[in-house]
């Protein structure tokens, strides 16, 4: 039995940095978010949506996760300067 995989095309970055895809556990480790909080934030539009890597596999671009973390740090710093 052969199953067809579904892949989401990724637009290449303009830099020469390789695209790195993080799996859910890696995202949880980097952000400190639990699985349920991660998906809650995605539902609210407060965290990048994952991309399909296969029929039951998703991942996030490392650059998207890093940008989200950087944005959170910026907000925190801005709140401290007020």
N, C-alpha and C. Protein backbone atom coordinates (compact mmCIF):
# COMPACT_ATOMS: atom_id res chain seq x y z
N UNK A 1 0.85 -1.18 0.00
CA UNK A 1 0.00 0.00 0.00
C UNK A 1 0.88 1.23 0.00
N UNK A 2 0.66 2.12 -0.92
CA UNK A 2 1.47 3.34 -1.04
C UNK A 2 0.62 4.54 -0.65
N UNK A 3 1.16 5.36 0.26
CA UNK A 3 0.47 6.59 0.63
C UNK A 3 1.22 7.77 0.04
N UNK A 4 0.48 8.75 -0.38
CA UNK A 4 1.10 9.94 -0.97
C UNK A 4 1.36 10.97 0.11
N UNK A 5 2.58 11.47 0.19
CA UNK A 5 2.94 12.50 1.15
C UNK A 5 2.52 13.87 0.63
N UNK A 6 2.11 14.73 1.56
CA UNK A 6 1.76 16.09 1.21
C UNK A 6 2.85 17.01 1.71
N UNK A 7 3.43 17.80 0.84
CA UNK A 7 4.49 18.70 1.23
C UNK A 7 4.09 20.13 0.92
N UNK A 8 4.47 21.03 1.81
CA UNK A 8 4.20 22.44 1.61
C UNK A 8 5.47 23.08 1.06
N UNK A 9 5.40 23.74 -0.11
CA UNK A 9 6.60 24.35 -0.66
C UNK A 9 7.06 25.51 0.21
N UNK A 10 8.36 25.68 0.31
CA UNK A 10 8.95 26.76 1.09
C UNK A 10 9.65 27.70 0.13
N UNK A 11 9.35 28.98 0.26
CA UNK A 11 10.02 29.98 -0.56
C UNK A 11 11.47 30.09 -0.10
N UNK A 12 12.43 29.95 -0.98
CA UNK A 12 13.83 30.03 -0.57
C UNK A 12 14.18 31.40 0.01
N UNK A 13 15.03 31.38 1.02
CA UNK A 13 15.51 32.63 1.60
C UNK A 13 16.51 33.27 0.66
N UNK A 14 16.66 34.58 0.78
CA UNK A 14 17.61 35.26 -0.08
C UNK A 14 19.05 35.08 0.40
N UNK A 15 19.22 34.74 1.67
CA UNK A 15 20.58 34.53 2.17
C UNK A 15 21.02 33.11 1.86
N UNK A 16 22.27 32.81 2.15
CA UNK A 16 22.81 31.49 1.90
C UNK A 16 22.62 30.56 3.09
N UNK A 17 21.97 31.07 4.16
CA UNK A 17 21.73 30.24 5.34
C UNK A 17 20.77 29.11 4.99
N UNK A 18 21.08 27.90 5.44
CA UNK A 18 20.19 26.78 5.13
C UNK A 18 18.88 26.90 5.91
N UNK A 19 17.81 26.38 5.33
CA UNK A 19 16.54 26.33 6.03
C UNK A 19 16.59 25.17 7.01
N UNK A 20 16.26 25.44 8.26
CA UNK A 20 16.25 24.41 9.29
C UNK A 20 14.83 24.26 9.79
N UNK A 21 14.36 23.03 9.82
CA UNK A 21 13.01 22.74 10.29
C UNK A 21 13.11 22.12 11.67
N UNK A 22 12.33 22.68 12.61
CA UNK A 22 12.28 22.18 13.97
C UNK A 22 11.03 21.36 14.16
N UNK A 23 11.15 20.26 14.87
CA UNK A 23 9.99 19.46 15.24
C UNK A 23 9.39 20.02 16.52
N UNK A 24 8.18 19.57 16.86
CA UNK A 24 7.43 20.13 17.98
C UNK A 24 8.22 20.12 19.29
N UNK A 25 8.85 19.02 19.62
CA UNK A 25 9.60 18.95 20.88
C UNK A 25 10.74 19.97 20.91
N UNK A 26 11.38 20.18 19.78
CA UNK A 26 12.44 21.18 19.71
C UNK A 26 11.87 22.58 19.91
N UNK A 27 10.69 22.84 19.34
CA UNK A 27 10.04 24.14 19.51
C UNK A 27 9.66 24.33 20.97
N UNK A 28 9.14 23.29 21.60
CA UNK A 28 8.79 23.37 23.02
C UNK A 28 10.02 23.69 23.87
N UNK A 29 11.13 23.04 23.57
CA UNK A 29 12.37 23.27 24.33
C UNK A 29 12.88 24.70 24.14
N UNK A 30 12.83 25.19 22.92
CA UNK A 30 13.36 26.54 22.64
C UNK A 30 12.48 27.64 23.22
N UNK A 31 11.18 27.42 23.22
CA UNK A 31 10.26 28.47 23.66
C UNK A 31 9.88 28.34 25.13
N UNK A 32 9.99 27.14 25.68
CA UNK A 32 9.53 26.91 27.04
C UNK A 32 8.04 26.72 27.13
N UNK A 33 7.37 26.62 25.99
CA UNK A 33 5.92 26.44 25.95
C UNK A 33 5.57 24.96 25.97
N UNK A 34 4.46 24.64 26.63
CA UNK A 34 3.95 23.27 26.58
C UNK A 34 3.25 23.05 25.24
N UNK A 35 2.97 21.81 24.93
CA UNK A 35 2.29 21.49 23.67
C UNK A 35 0.94 22.21 23.58
N UNK A 36 0.16 22.14 24.66
CA UNK A 36 -1.18 22.75 24.63
C UNK A 36 -1.10 24.27 24.48
N UNK A 37 -0.14 24.90 25.16
CA UNK A 37 0.02 26.35 25.04
C UNK A 37 0.48 26.72 23.64
N UNK A 38 1.38 25.95 23.09
CA UNK A 38 1.87 26.18 21.73
C UNK A 38 0.71 26.19 20.74
N UNK A 39 -0.14 25.17 20.78
CA UNK A 39 -1.25 25.10 19.84
C UNK A 39 -2.33 26.14 20.15
N UNK A 40 -2.47 26.52 21.41
CA UNK A 40 -3.40 27.59 21.77
C UNK A 40 -2.93 28.91 21.14
N UNK A 41 -1.63 29.21 21.26
CA UNK A 41 -1.07 30.43 20.65
C UNK A 41 -1.24 30.41 19.13
N UNK A 42 -1.07 29.24 18.51
CA UNK A 42 -1.25 29.13 17.06
C UNK A 42 -2.71 29.44 16.70
N UNK A 43 -3.64 28.90 17.47
CA UNK A 43 -5.06 29.14 17.23
C UNK A 43 -5.40 30.62 17.34
N UNK A 44 -4.77 31.31 18.29
CA UNK A 44 -5.01 32.74 18.48
C UNK A 44 -4.27 33.61 17.46
N UNK A 45 -3.36 32.99 16.70
CA UNK A 45 -2.56 33.75 15.74
C UNK A 45 -1.35 34.40 16.38
N UNK A 46 -0.97 33.94 17.57
CA UNK A 46 0.18 34.51 18.30
C UNK A 46 1.45 33.70 18.16
N UNK A 47 1.45 32.70 17.33
CA UNK A 47 2.64 31.88 17.09
C UNK A 47 2.57 31.38 15.66
N UNK A 48 3.73 31.23 15.00
CA UNK A 48 3.72 30.77 13.60
C UNK A 48 3.06 29.41 13.44
N UNK A 49 2.32 29.25 12.36
CA UNK A 49 1.71 27.96 12.06
C UNK A 49 2.78 26.99 11.58
N UNK A 50 2.61 25.71 11.92
CA UNK A 50 3.56 24.71 11.41
C UNK A 50 3.29 24.42 9.94
N UNK A 51 4.26 23.82 9.29
CA UNK A 51 4.07 23.38 7.92
C UNK A 51 4.05 21.86 7.90
N UNK A 52 3.28 21.30 7.00
CA UNK A 52 3.19 19.85 6.88
C UNK A 52 4.47 19.31 6.27
N UNK A 53 5.02 18.31 6.92
CA UNK A 53 6.21 17.63 6.39
C UNK A 53 5.86 16.26 5.84
N UNK A 54 4.71 15.79 6.22
CA UNK A 54 4.21 14.48 5.79
C UNK A 54 2.77 14.36 6.24
N UNK A 55 2.17 13.20 6.06
CA UNK A 55 0.76 13.03 6.41
C UNK A 55 0.46 13.33 7.88
N UNK A 56 1.35 12.99 8.77
CA UNK A 56 1.11 13.20 10.20
C UNK A 56 2.30 13.86 10.89
N UNK A 57 3.06 14.62 10.12
CA UNK A 57 4.28 15.23 10.65
C UNK A 57 4.28 16.70 10.29
N UNK A 58 4.55 17.54 11.30
CA UNK A 58 4.66 18.98 11.05
C UNK A 58 5.98 19.49 11.61
N UNK A 59 6.36 20.67 11.16
CA UNK A 59 7.56 21.31 11.65
C UNK A 59 7.45 22.81 11.47
N UNK A 60 8.34 23.52 12.13
CA UNK A 60 8.39 24.97 12.04
C UNK A 60 9.75 25.38 11.52
N UNK A 61 9.78 26.43 10.71
CA UNK A 61 11.07 26.96 10.28
C UNK A 61 11.76 27.57 11.50
N UNK A 62 13.00 27.24 11.67
CA UNK A 62 13.77 27.76 12.80
C UNK A 62 13.76 29.29 12.79
N UNK A 63 13.84 29.88 11.62
CA UNK A 63 13.84 31.34 11.51
C UNK A 63 12.54 31.94 12.03
N UNK A 64 11.41 31.28 11.79
CA UNK A 64 10.13 31.76 12.30
C UNK A 64 10.08 31.70 13.82
N UNK A 65 10.56 30.61 14.37
CA UNK A 65 10.58 30.44 15.83
C UNK A 65 11.53 31.46 16.45
N UNK A 66 12.68 31.64 15.85
CA UNK A 66 13.64 32.62 16.37
C UNK A 66 13.07 34.04 16.32
N UNK A 67 12.35 34.35 15.24
CA UNK A 67 11.73 35.67 15.13
C UNK A 67 10.68 35.87 16.22
N UNK A 68 9.89 34.84 16.50
CA UNK A 68 8.88 34.92 17.55
C UNK A 68 9.54 35.17 18.90
N UNK A 69 10.62 34.44 19.18
CA UNK A 69 11.33 34.62 20.45
C UNK A 69 11.89 36.04 20.53
N UNK A 70 12.50 36.52 19.46
CA UNK A 70 13.06 37.88 19.43
C UNK A 70 11.97 38.92 19.66
N UNK A 71 10.80 38.72 19.05
CA UNK A 71 9.68 39.64 19.25
C UNK A 71 9.25 39.66 20.71
N UNK A 72 9.21 38.51 21.35
CA UNK A 72 8.82 38.45 22.76
C UNK A 72 9.83 39.19 23.64
N UNK A 73 11.12 39.06 23.34
CA UNK A 73 12.16 39.76 24.09
C UNK A 73 12.01 41.26 23.90
N UNK A 74 11.74 41.68 22.67
CA UNK A 74 11.57 43.11 22.37
C UNK A 74 10.39 43.68 23.14
N UNK A 75 9.27 42.97 23.17
CA UNK A 75 8.10 43.42 23.90
C UNK A 75 8.43 43.55 25.39
N UNK A 76 9.14 42.59 25.91
CA UNK A 76 9.51 42.60 27.33
C UNK A 76 10.39 43.81 27.63
N UNK A 77 11.35 44.06 26.78
CA UNK A 77 12.25 45.20 27.00
C UNK A 77 11.51 46.53 26.88
N UNK A 78 10.59 46.61 25.91
CA UNK A 78 9.79 47.82 25.75
C UNK A 78 8.92 48.08 26.97
N UNK A 79 8.37 47.02 27.55
CA UNK A 79 7.53 47.15 28.74
C UNK A 79 8.35 47.66 29.93
N UNK A 80 9.61 47.29 30.02
CA UNK A 80 10.47 47.71 31.13
C UNK A 80 10.88 49.17 31.03
N UNK A 81 10.91 49.71 29.81
CA UNK A 81 11.37 51.10 29.63
C UNK A 81 10.25 52.11 29.83
N UNK A 82 9.01 51.65 29.93
CA UNK A 82 7.88 52.57 30.12
C UNK A 82 7.80 53.07 31.56
